[in-house]
Amino acid sequence: MKAEYRLQQKGWSGRLFVGGENLLGQTYSLGNDINAAAGRYYNAAPGRSFYAGFSVKLGK
């Protein structure tokens, strides 16, 4: 899930965003390793994660 708010003023624009991944805490694989080492044949996905940020663009 991701939410974003856009700002625009004379001479600059910006966006504020927040989001989260795997909010339900499911166990899943990001993909299979065909040439895996040490008996590992899958990439376990991370647990819940969250992020936030702000970007600014100056000028036109």
PDB file of N, CA and C in Angstrom:
ATOM      1  N   MET A   1       0.846  -1.155   0.000  1.00  0.00           N
ATOM      2  CA  MET A   1       0.000   0.000   0.000  1.00  0.00           C
ATOM      3  C   MET A   1       0.899   1.228   0.000  1.00  0.00           C
ATOM      4  N   LYS A   2       0.484   2.253  -0.733  1.00  0.00           N
ATOM      5  CA  LYS A   2       1.240   3.502  -0.788  1.00  0.00           C
ATOM      6  C   LYS A   2       0.265   4.667  -0.843  1.00  0.00           C
ATOM      7  N   ALA A   3       0.578   5.736  -0.119  1.00  0.00           N
ATOM      8  CA  ALA A   3      -0.211   6.966  -0.167  1.00  0.00           C
ATOM      9  C   ALA A   3       0.733   8.109  -0.514  1.00  0.00           C
ATOM     10  N   GLU A   4       0.224   9.046  -1.295  1.00  0.00           N
ATOM     11  CA  GLU A   4       1.069  10.147  -1.760  1.00  0.00           C
ATOM     12  C   GLU A   4       0.277  11.446  -1.758  1.00  0.00           C
ATOM     13  N   TYR A   5       0.946  12.535  -1.390  1.00  0.00           N
ATOM     14  CA  TYR A   5       0.344  13.866  -1.428  1.00  0.00           C
ATOM     15  C   TYR A   5       1.276  14.772  -2.224  1.00  0.00           C
ATOM     16  N   ARG A   6       0.737  15.405  -3.246  1.00  0.00           N
ATOM     17  CA  ARG A   6       1.548  16.274  -4.105  1.00  0.00           C
ATOM     18  C   ARG A   6       1.357  17.740  -3.709  1.00  0.00           C
ATOM     19  N   LEU A   7       2.461  18.473  -3.701  1.00  0.00           N
ATOM     20  CA  LEU A   7       2.475  19.891  -3.384  1.00  0.00           C
ATOM     21  C   LEU A   7       2.981  20.661  -4.598  1.00  0.00           C
ATOM     22  N   GLN A   8       2.415  21.823  -4.854  1.00  0.00           N
ATOM     23  CA  GLN A   8       2.905  22.638  -5.960  1.00  0.00           C
ATOM     24  C   GLN A   8       2.829  24.104  -5.574  1.00  0.00           C
ATOM     25  N   GLN A   9       3.967  24.757  -5.668  1.00  0.00           N
ATOM     26  CA  GLN A   9       4.074  26.187  -5.392  1.00  0.00           C
ATOM     27  C   GLN A   9       4.817  26.824  -6.561  1.00  0.00           C
ATOM     28  N   LYS A  10       4.823  28.124  -6.610  1.00  0.00           N
ATOM     29  CA  LYS A  10       5.529  28.820  -7.681  1.00  0.00           C
ATOM     30  C   LYS A  10       7.031  28.526  -7.584  1.00  0.00           C
ATOM     31  N   GLY A  11       7.587  27.930  -8.618  1.00  0.00           N
ATOM     32  CA  GLY A  11       9.026  27.659  -8.664  1.00  0.00           C
ATOM     33  C   GLY A  11       9.446  26.295  -8.155  1.00  0.00           C
ATOM     34  N   TRP A  12       8.542  25.550  -7.538  1.00  0.00           N
ATOM     35  CA  TRP A  12       8.914  24.215  -7.068  1.00  0.00           C
ATOM     36  C   TRP A  12       7.679  23.339  -6.913  1.00  0.00           C
ATOM     37  N   SER A  13       7.904  22.057  -6.918  1.00  0.00           N
ATOM     38  CA  SER A  13       6.844  21.087  -6.632  1.00  0.00           C
ATOM     39  C   SER A  13       7.444  19.983  -5.782  1.00  0.00           C
ATOM     40  N   GLY A  14       6.609  19.290  -5.085  1.00  0.00           N
ATOM     41  CA  GLY A  14       7.107  18.223  -4.218  1.00  0.00           C
ATOM     42  C   GLY A  14       6.057  17.167  -4.005  1.00  0.00           C
ATOM     43  N   ARG A  15       6.483  16.078  -3.410  1.00  0.00           N
ATOM     44  CA  ARG A  15       5.552  15.021  -3.048  1.00  0.00           C
ATOM     45  C   ARG A  15       5.996  14.371  -1.752  1.00  0.00           C
ATOM     46  N   LEU A  16       5.036  14.093  -0.920  1.00  0.00           N
ATOM     47  CA  LEU A  16       5.231  13.431   0.357  1.00  0.00           C
ATOM     48  C   LEU A  16       4.581  12.063   0.227  1.00  0.00           C
ATOM     49  N   PHE A  17       5.289  10.987   0.573  1.00  0.00           N
ATOM     50  CA  PHE A  17       4.717   9.656   0.415  1.00  0.00           C
ATOM     51  C   PHE A  17       5.066   8.759   1.597  1.00  0.00           C
ATOM     52  N   VAL A  18       4.169   7.842   1.880  1.00  0.00           N
ATOM     53  CA  VAL A  18       4.353   6.816   2.913  1.00  0.00           C
ATOM     54  C   VAL A  18       3.803   5.512   2.357  1.00  0.00           C
ATOM     55  N   GLY A  19       4.332   4.410   2.826  1.00  0.00           N
ATOM     56  CA  GLY A  19       3.838   3.126   2.346  1.00  0.00           C
ATOM     57  C   GLY A  19       4.294   1.992   3.233  1.00  0.00           C
ATOM     58  N   GLY A  20       3.751   0.839   2.953  1.00  0.00           N
ATOM     59  CA  GLY A  20       4.116  -0.365   3.680  1.00  0.00           C
ATOM     60  C   GLY A  20       4.010  -1.576   2.764  1.00  0.00           C
ATOM     61  N   GLU A  21       4.816  -2.576   3.036  1.00  0.00           N
ATOM     62  CA  GLU A  21       4.801  -3.805   2.261  1.00  0.00           C
ATOM     63  C   GLU A  21       4.557  -4.983   3.194  1.00  0.00           C
ATOM     64  N   ASN A  22       3.880  -5.992   2.681  1.00  0.00           N
ATOM     65  CA  ASN A  22       3.536  -7.211   3.420  1.00  0.00           C
ATOM     66  C   ASN A  22       2.813  -6.866   4.723  1.00  0.00           C
ATOM     67  N   LEU A  23       1.802  -6.017   4.639  1.00  0.00           N
ATOM     68  CA  LEU A  23       1.089  -5.539   5.829  1.00  0.00           C
ATOM     69  C   LEU A  23       0.347  -6.649   6.571  1.00  0.00           C
ATOM     70  N   LEU A  24       0.015  -7.729   5.887  1.00  0.00           N
ATOM     71  CA  LEU A  24      -0.687  -8.841   6.539  1.00  0.00           C
ATOM     72  C   LEU A  24       0.262  -9.887   7.110  1.00  0.00           C
ATOM     73  N   GLY A  25       1.581  -9.678   6.952  1.00  0.00           N
ATOM     74  CA  GLY A  25       2.567 -10.575   7.547  1.00  0.00           C
ATOM     75  C   GLY A  25       2.582 -11.966   6.936  1.00  0.00           C
ATOM     76  N   GLN A  26       2.281 -12.091   5.648  1.00  0.00           N
ATOM     77  CA  GLN A  26       2.255 -13.394   4.979  1.00  0.00           C
ATOM     78  C   GLN A  26       3.671 -13.915   4.735  1.00  0.00           C
ATOM     79  N   THR A  27       3.825 -15.223   4.724  1.00  0.00           N
ATOM     80  CA  THR A  27       5.081 -15.864   4.361  1.00  0.00           C
ATOM     81  C   THR A  27       5.029 -16.184   2.882  1.00  0.00           C
ATOM     82  N   TYR A  28       6.014 -15.725   2.133  1.00  0.00           N
ATOM     83  CA  TYR A  28       6.045 -15.989   0.699  1.00  0.00           C
ATOM     84  C   TYR A  28       7.478 -15.961   0.207  1.00  0.00           C
ATOM     85  N   SER A  29       7.676 -16.416  -1.012  1.00  0.00           N
ATOM     86  CA  SER A  29       8.990 -16.469  -1.633  1.00  0.00           C
ATOM     87  C   SER A  29       9.078 -15.415  -2.718  1.00  0.00           C
ATOM     88  N   LEU A  30      10.203 -14.710  -2.778  1.00  0.00           N
ATOM     89  CA  LEU A  30      10.402 -13.715  -3.832  1.00  0.00           C
ATOM     90  C   LEU A  30      10.854 -14.354  -5.133  1.00  0.00           C
ATOM     91  N   GLY A  31      11.210 -15.599  -5.117  1.00  0.00           N
ATOM     92  CA  GLY A  31      11.647 -16.269  -6.341  1.00  0.00           C
ATOM     93  C   GLY A  31      12.500 -17.480  -6.013  1.00  0.00           C
ATOM     94  N   ASN A  32      12.659 -18.337  -6.980  1.00  0.00           N
ATOM     95  CA  ASN A  32      13.458 -19.542  -6.798  1.00  0.00           C
ATOM     96  C   ASN A  32      14.888 -19.309  -7.248  1.00  0.00           C
ATOM     97  N   ASP A  33      15.848 -19.950  -6.557  1.00  0.00           N
ATOM     98  CA  ASP A  33      17.262 -19.910  -6.938  1.00  0.00           C
ATOM     99  C   ASP A  33      17.581 -21.185  -7.695  1.00  0.00           C
ATOM    100  N   ILE A  34      17.827 -21.077  -8.988  1.00  0.00           N
ATOM    101  CA  ILE A  34      18.117 -22.268  -9.791  1.00  0.00           C
ATOM    102  C   ILE A  34      19.482 -22.831  -9.442  1.00  0.00           C
ATOM    103  N   ASN A  35      20.469 -21.975  -9.260  1.00  0.00           N
ATOM    104  CA  ASN A  35      21.827 -22.421  -8.931  1.00  0.00           C
ATOM    105  C   ASN A  35      22.134 -22.111  -7.462  1.00  0.00           C
ATOM    106  N   ALA A  36      21.309 -22.606  -6.583  1.00  0.00           N
ATOM    107  CA  ALA A  36      21.427 -22.292  -5.160  1.00  0.00           C
ATOM    108  C   ALA A  36      22.616 -22.999  -4.531  1.00  0.00           C
ATOM    109  N   ALA A  37      23.160 -22.379  -3.491  1.00  0.00           N
ATOM    110  CA  ALA A  37      24.264 -22.965  -2.734  1.00  0.00           C
ATOM    111  C   ALA A  37      23.773 -23.358  -1.344  1.00  0.00           C
ATOM    112  N   ALA A  38      24.391 -24.327  -0.753  1.00  0.00           N
ATOM    113  CA  ALA A  38      24.131 -24.742   0.634  1.00  0.00           C
ATOM    114  C   ALA A  38      22.685 -25.181   0.857  1.00  0.00           C
ATOM    115  N   GLY A  39      22.056 -25.816  -0.138  1.00  0.00           N
ATOM    116  CA  GLY A  39      20.714 -26.350   0.030  1.00  0.00           C
ATOM    117  C   GLY A  39      19.614 -25.301   0.068  1.00  0.00           C
ATOM    118  N   ARG A  40      19.923 -24.112  -0.338  1.00  0.00           N
ATOM    119  CA  ARG A  40      18.940 -23.030  -0.316  1.00  0.00           C
ATOM    120  C   ARG A  40      18.353 -22.893  -1.721  1.00  0.00           C
ATOM    121  N   TYR A  41      17.046 -23.071  -1.860  1.00  0.00           N
ATOM    122  CA  TYR A  41      16.418 -23.038  -3.174  1.00  0.00           C
ATOM    123  C   TYR A  41      15.346 -21.958  -3.287  1.00  0.00           C
ATOM    124  N   TYR A  42      15.257 -21.054  -2.363  1.00  0.00           N
ATOM    125  CA  TYR A  42      14.278 -19.980  -2.446  1.00  0.00           C
ATOM    126  C   TYR A  42      14.817 -18.759  -1.709  1.00  0.00           C
ATOM    127  N   ASN A  43      14.284 -17.625  -2.021  1.00  0.00           N
ATOM    128  CA  ASN A  43      14.614 -16.377  -1.332  1.00  0.00           C
ATOM    129  C   ASN A  43      13.425 -16.002  -0.467  1.00  0.00           C
ATOM    130  N   ALA A  44      13.584 -16.093   0.799  1.00  0.00           N
ATOM    131  CA  ALA A  44      12.485 -15.724   1.703  1.00  0.00           C
ATOM    132  C   ALA A  44      12.272 -14.217   1.639  1.00  0.00           C
ATOM    133  N   ALA A  45      11.029 -13.811   1.584  1.00  0.00           N
ATOM    134  CA  ALA A  45      10.696 -12.389   1.535  1.00  0.00           C
ATOM    135  C   ALA A  45      10.809 -11.790   2.942  1.00  0.00           C
ATOM    136  N   PRO A  46      11.112 -10.505   3.042  1.00  0.00           N
ATOM    137  CA  PRO A  46      11.176  -9.869   4.355  1.00  0.00           C
ATOM    138  C   PRO A  46       9.799  -9.777   4.997  1.00  0.00           C
ATOM    139  N   GLY A  47       9.781  -9.548   6.291  1.00  0.00           N
ATOM    140  CA  GLY A  47       8.518  -9.351   7.002  1.00  0.00           C
ATOM    141  C   GLY A  47       7.924  -7.998   6.655  1.00  0.00           C
ATOM    142  N   ARG A  48       7.114  -7.462   7.524  1.00  0.00           N
ATOM    143  CA  ARG A  48       6.524  -6.143   7.276  1.00  0.00           C
ATOM    144  C   ARG A  48       7.619  -5.092   7.172  1.00  0.00           C
ATOM    145  N   SER A  49       7.426  -4.155   6.276  1.00  0.00           N
ATOM    146  CA  SER A  49       8.354  -3.029   6.171  1.00  0.00           C
ATOM    147  C   SER A  49       7.570  -1.775   5.811  1.00  0.00           C
ATOM    148  N   PHE A  50       8.084  -0.643   6.246  1.00  0.00           N
ATOM    149  CA  PHE A  50       7.440   0.640   6.034  1.00  0.00           C
ATOM    150  C   PHE A  50       8.465   1.624   5.493  1.00  0.00           C
ATOM    151  N   TYR A  51       8.003   2.605   4.753  1.00  0.00           N
ATOM    152  CA  TYR A  51       8.885   3.628   4.220  1.00  0.00           C
ATOM    153  C   TYR A  51       8.132   4.949   4.126  1.00  0.00           C
ATOM    154  N   ALA A  52       8.899   6.022   4.080  1.00  0.00           N
ATOM    155  CA  ALA A  52       8.330   7.366   3.933  1.00  0.00           C
ATOM    156  C   ALA A  52       9.386   8.240   3.278  1.00  0.00           C
ATOM    157  N   GLY A  53       8.934   9.286   2.590  1.00  0.00           N
ATOM    158  CA  GLY A  53       9.896  10.162   1.961  1.00  0.00           C
ATOM    159  C   GLY A  53       9.252  11.438   1.460  1.00  0.00           C
ATOM    160  N   PHE A  54      10.121  12.333   1.038  1.00  0.00           N
ATOM    161  CA  PHE A  54       9.697  13.617   0.502  1.00  0.00           C
ATOM    162  C   PHE A  54      10.638  13.949  -0.638  1.00  0.00           C
ATOM    163  N   SER A  55      10.113  14.294  -1.784  1.00  0.00           N
ATOM    164  CA  SER A  55      10.960  14.698  -2.910  1.00  0.00           C
ATOM    165  C   SER A  55      10.572  16.099  -3.341  1.00  0.00           C
ATOM    166  N   VAL A  56      11.564  16.851  -3.796  1.00  0.00           N
ATOM    167  CA  VAL A  56      11.355  18.233  -4.224  1.00  0.00           C
ATOM    168  C   VAL A  56      11.959  18.390  -5.608  1.00  0.00           C
ATOM    169  N   LYS A  57      11.241  19.086  -6.474  1.00  0.00           N
ATOM    170  CA  LYS A  57      11.725  19.416  -7.814  1.00  0.00           C
ATOM    171  C   LYS A  57      11.700  20.929  -7.948  1.00  0.00           C
ATOM    172  N   LEU A  58      12.878  21.500  -8.176  1.00  0.00           N
ATOM    173  CA  LEU A  58      12.989  22.947  -8.312  1.00  0.00           C
ATOM    174  C   LEU A  58      12.935  23.356  -9.765  1.00  0.00           C
ATOM    175  N   GLY A  59      12.352  24.488 -10.047  1.00  0.00           N
ATOM    176  CA  GLY A  59      12.254  24.982 -11.427  1.00  0.00           C
ATOM    177  C   GLY A  59      11.049  24.405 -12.134  1.00  0.00           C
ATOM    178  N   LYS A  60      11.090  24.478 -13.459  1.00  0.00           N
ATOM    179  CA  LYS A  60       9.944  24.039 -14.275  1.00  0.00           C
ATOM    180  C   LYS A  60       9.835  22.558 -14.369  1.00  0.00           C
TER     181      LYS A  60
END
